[in-house]
């Protein structure tokens, strides 16, 4: 998967985002790789790990040129896929992250996350999350049908309705519409705040990464 667009990030957060892109934005393997490159017992989110150690670890992982996780398995065809998406912003605007989880009956669950921007709004992160999930879906599956589970009415009313979208969604909206148009069938489900959404935790990690710096 190519690196996806972001808002303004610190140089350190942008470097970690490059590692995520190398792993197809599969957040677990990417963070494991960084943690493995941090000397001693620390890791990306260990309070004792310095910015310099994180930067060195990211550089080491990128120098090793890891193969993207999406390339490790063949494209699956014919499945019905459920795509959960969620965005998170601390401060709104503030450090923001996007999360997506793909589930298919005959394939592995794919958990994705990424930073969106150091000072981005929650709705922008929601668009970024949908974009992230659809890009990963296009790279991994040729699905028979897709159900998008999402809690943002702003995104639903824009993408599937006739509401005027946010200006901040401009980097994501055209690709979202292109990916949706290419699907053989797609429906959406609006999640209430009380409904479980496995993408939420990945969005929160993305926001943690967006807060890294300098």
Protein backbone atom coordinates (compact mmCIF):
# COMPACT_ATOMS: atom_id res chain seq x y z
CA UNK A 1 0.00 0.00 0.00
CA UNK A 2 1.25 3.47 -0.84
CA UNK A 3 1.62 6.01 1.92
CA UNK A 4 -1.70 7.78 2.48
CA UNK A 5 -2.14 11.57 2.85
CA UNK A 6 -1.88 13.19 6.26
CA UNK A 7 -2.22 16.60 7.79
CA UNK A 8 0.73 18.29 9.43
CA UNK A 9 2.77 15.86 11.56
CA UNK A 10 5.96 16.31 13.52
CA UNK A 11 9.04 14.88 11.78
CA UNK A 12 9.08 12.03 14.30
CA UNK A 13 5.39 11.15 13.84
CA UNK A 14 5.84 11.35 10.05
CA UNK A 15 8.73 8.89 10.25
CA UNK A 16 6.66 6.43 12.28
CA UNK A 17 3.89 6.86 9.71
CA UNK A 18 6.36 5.79 7.03
CA UNK A 19 6.96 2.57 8.96
CA UNK A 20 3.20 2.00 9.15
CA UNK A 21 2.92 2.45 5.39
CA UNK A 22 5.66 -0.16 4.84
CA UNK A 23 3.52 -2.63 6.77
CA UNK A 24 0.34 -1.80 4.90
CA UNK A 25 -0.81 0.17 7.98
CA UNK A 26 -1.19 -3.05 9.97
CA UNK A 27 -0.56 -1.36 13.26
CA UNK A 28 0.45 -4.38 15.35
CA UNK A 29 3.31 -5.67 13.17
CA UNK A 30 4.58 -2.13 12.51
CA UNK A 31 4.76 -1.26 16.20
CA UNK A 32 6.31 -4.64 16.98
CA UNK A 33 9.05 -3.88 14.45
CA UNK A 34 9.77 -0.49 16.05
CA UNK A 35 9.68 -1.98 19.55
CA UNK A 36 12.15 -4.66 18.45
CA UNK A 37 14.55 -1.99 17.19
CA UNK A 38 14.48 0.05 20.42
CA UNK A 39 17.49 -0.83 22.51
CA UNK A 40 16.91 -2.31 25.97
CA UNK A 41 13.42 -3.09 27.20
CA UNK A 42 11.63 0.02 25.96
CA UNK A 43 9.25 0.44 23.07
CA UNK A 44 7.37 3.04 21.07
CA UNK A 45 5.02 3.96 23.91
CA UNK A 46 7.24 3.18 26.88
CA UNK A 47 7.55 6.39 28.96
CA UNK A 48 11.29 5.79 29.24
CA UNK A 49 11.86 5.69 25.47
CA UNK A 50 13.29 8.96 24.20
CA UNK A 51 12.37 10.68 20.94
CA UNK A 52 15.89 9.95 19.73
CA UNK A 53 15.48 6.24 20.41
CA UNK A 54 12.18 6.16 18.55
CA UNK A 55 13.72 7.99 15.61
CA UNK A 56 16.69 5.61 15.49
CA UNK A 57 14.38 2.60 15.70
CA UNK A 58 12.20 3.88 12.87
CA UNK A 59 15.27 4.52 10.73
CA UNK A 60 16.52 1.00 11.39
CA UNK A 61 13.19 -0.55 10.39
CA UNK A 62 12.98 1.57 7.24
CA UNK A 63 16.58 0.74 6.29
CA UNK A 64 15.71 -2.96 6.50
CA UNK A 65 13.04 -2.33 3.82
CA UNK A 66 10.41 -4.69 5.25
CA UNK A 67 7.91 -6.12 2.83
CA UNK A 68 4.43 -4.70 3.24
CA UNK A 69 2.16 -7.02 5.22
CA UNK A 70 -0.43 -6.95 2.43
CA UNK A 71 2.10 -8.64 0.12
CA UNK A 72 2.45 -11.63 2.43
CA UNK A 73 -0.85 -13.21 1.41
CA UNK A 74 -2.74 -13.58 -1.89
CA UNK A 75 -5.77 -11.48 -2.68
CA UNK A 76 -8.97 -13.12 -1.46
CA UNK A 77 -12.02 -13.18 -3.71
CA UNK A 78 -15.71 -13.75 -3.19
CA UNK A 79 -15.91 -12.95 0.51
CA UNK A 80 -18.44 -10.70 2.14
CA UNK A 81 -16.32 -8.23 4.10
CA UNK A 82 -17.28 -6.09 7.10
CA UNK A 83 -15.28 -2.88 7.39
CA UNK A 84 -15.30 -1.05 10.73
CA UNK A 85 -13.92 2.51 10.72
CA UNK A 86 -13.40 5.15 13.38
CA UNK A 87 -11.53 8.41 13.89
CA UNK A 88 -10.20 9.98 17.06
CA UNK A 89 -9.05 13.51 17.89
CA UNK A 90 -7.77 14.68 21.26
CA UNK A 91 -8.82 18.27 21.73
CA UNK A 92 -10.77 18.43 18.46
CA UNK A 93 -8.66 19.81 16.89
CA UNK A 94 -5.66 17.98 18.28
CA UNK A 95 -3.57 14.88 17.66
CA UNK A 96 -5.82 12.67 15.54
CA UNK A 97 -5.74 9.09 14.36
CA UNK A 98 -7.70 6.80 12.04
CA UNK A 99 -8.53 3.15 12.61
CA UNK A 100 -10.05 0.42 10.44
CA UNK A 101 -10.73 -3.27 10.94
CA UNK A 102 -11.55 -5.67 8.10
CA UNK A 103 -13.33 -8.95 8.81
CA UNK A 104 -14.23 -11.68 6.34
CA UNK A 105 -15.64 -15.13 6.93
CA UNK A 106 -12.83 -16.86 5.02
CA UNK A 107 -9.88 -14.62 5.80
CA UNK A 108 -7.87 -13.11 8.65
CA UNK A 109 -9.00 -10.07 10.57
CA UNK A 110 -6.92 -7.07 9.50
CA UNK A 111 -6.35 -4.28 12.03
CA UNK A 112 -5.15 -0.94 10.70
CA UNK A 113 -4.23 2.40 12.19
CA UNK A 114 -2.42 5.60 11.32
CA UNK A 115 -1.90 9.20 12.44
CA UNK A 116 -4.00 11.81 10.65
CA UNK A 117 -2.52 15.07 11.86
CA UNK A 118 -1.06 16.86 14.85
CA UNK A 119 -3.98 19.28 14.91
CA UNK A 120 -6.91 17.74 13.08
CA UNK A 121 -10.62 17.53 13.82
CA UNK A 122 -12.50 14.34 14.62
CA UNK A 123 -14.57 14.45 11.43
CA UNK A 124 -11.42 14.70 9.33
CA UNK A 125 -10.12 11.59 11.10
CA UNK A 126 -13.38 9.79 10.29
CA UNK A 127 -12.89 10.42 6.56
CA UNK A 128 -9.26 9.30 6.86
CA UNK A 129 -10.41 6.09 8.57
CA UNK A 130 -12.85 5.24 5.77
CA UNK A 131 -10.15 5.99 3.20
CA UNK A 132 -7.67 3.77 5.07
CA UNK A 133 -10.09 0.85 5.21
CA UNK A 134 -11.10 1.08 1.56
CA UNK A 135 -7.49 1.28 0.37
CA UNK A 136 -6.57 -1.80 2.40
CA UNK A 137 -9.67 -3.58 1.11
CA UNK A 138 -8.68 -2.85 -2.49
CA UNK A 139 -5.17 -4.19 -1.83
CA UNK A 140 -6.29 -7.44 -0.20
CA UNK A 141 -9.75 -8.50 -1.39
CA UNK A 142 -12.01 -8.80 -4.39
CA UNK A 143 -15.14 -8.95 -2.23
CA UNK A 144 -18.59 -10.03 -3.28
CA UNK A 145 -20.06 -7.36 -0.99
CA UNK A 146 -18.95 -4.93 1.70
CA UNK A 147 -20.70 -3.58 4.77
CA UNK A 148 -19.17 -0.41 6.22
CA UNK A 149 -19.88 0.08 9.92
CA UNK A 150 -19.30 3.69 10.93
CA UNK A 151 -20.49 6.08 13.64
CA UNK A 152 -19.98 9.41 11.83
CA UNK A 153 -23.20 10.86 10.44
CA UNK A 154 -21.13 13.62 8.84
CA UNK A 155 -19.30 11.11 6.66
CA UNK A 156 -22.42 9.03 5.98
CA UNK A 157 -24.46 12.05 4.89
CA UNK A 158 -21.66 13.25 2.62
CA UNK A 159 -20.47 9.99 1.06
CA UNK A 160 -23.82 8.19 0.79
CA UNK A 161 -26.15 11.19 0.96
CA UNK A 162 -26.33 14.65 -0.54
CA UNK A 163 -24.91 16.76 2.29
CA UNK A 164 -22.08 19.16 1.62
CA UNK A 165 -18.88 17.64 2.95
CA UNK A 166 -16.11 19.21 4.97
CA UNK A 167 -13.39 21.15 3.19
CA UNK A 168 -10.83 19.29 5.31
CA UNK A 169 -11.99 16.01 3.74
CA UNK A 170 -10.70 17.03 0.29
CA UNK A 171 -7.59 14.78 0.43
CA UNK A 172 -9.78 11.73 1.11
CA UNK A 173 -13.16 12.21 -0.59
CA UNK A 174 -12.25 11.52 -4.27
CA UNK A 175 -10.43 8.28 -3.43
CA UNK A 176 -13.27 7.17 -1.14
CA UNK A 177 -15.83 7.65 -3.89
CA UNK A 178 -13.63 5.91 -6.47
CA UNK A 179 -13.11 2.88 -4.22
CA UNK A 180 -16.80 2.63 -3.36
CA UNK A 181 -17.82 2.90 -7.01
CA UNK A 182 -15.54 -0.04 -7.85
CA UNK A 183 -17.23 -2.37 -5.34
CA UNK A 184 -19.86 -4.80 -6.66
CA UNK A 185 -22.10 -4.10 -3.66
CA UNK A 186 -21.75 -1.91 -0.58
CA UNK A 187 -24.04 -0.88 2.25
CA UNK A 188 -23.44 1.07 5.42
CA UNK A 189 -24.55 0.67 9.02
CA UNK A 190 -24.60 3.57 11.43
CA UNK A 191 -23.09 2.56 14.76
CA UNK A 192 -24.47 4.12 17.91
CA UNK A 193 -22.01 5.30 20.56
CA UNK A 194 -22.90 2.23 22.62
CA UNK A 195 -22.18 -0.22 19.78
CA UNK A 196 -18.81 -1.98 19.86
CA UNK A 197 -16.36 -0.74 17.27
CA UNK A 198 -12.99 -2.54 17.12
CA UNK A 199 -11.55 0.28 15.01
CA UNK A 200 -11.77 2.68 17.97
CA UNK A 201 -8.67 1.31 19.71
CA UNK A 202 -6.63 1.56 16.49
CA UNK A 203 -7.72 5.17 15.99
CA UNK A 204 -6.60 5.94 19.54
CA UNK A 205 -3.14 4.49 18.82
CA UNK A 206 -3.00 6.57 15.65
CA UNK A 207 -3.70 9.67 17.76
CA UNK A 208 -0.90 8.62 20.15
CA UNK A 209 1.47 8.50 17.18
CA UNK A 210 0.24 11.88 15.92
CA UNK A 211 1.15 13.35 19.32
CA UNK A 212 4.80 12.24 19.02
CA UNK A 213 7.41 14.89 18.50
CA UNK A 214 9.37 16.78 17.64
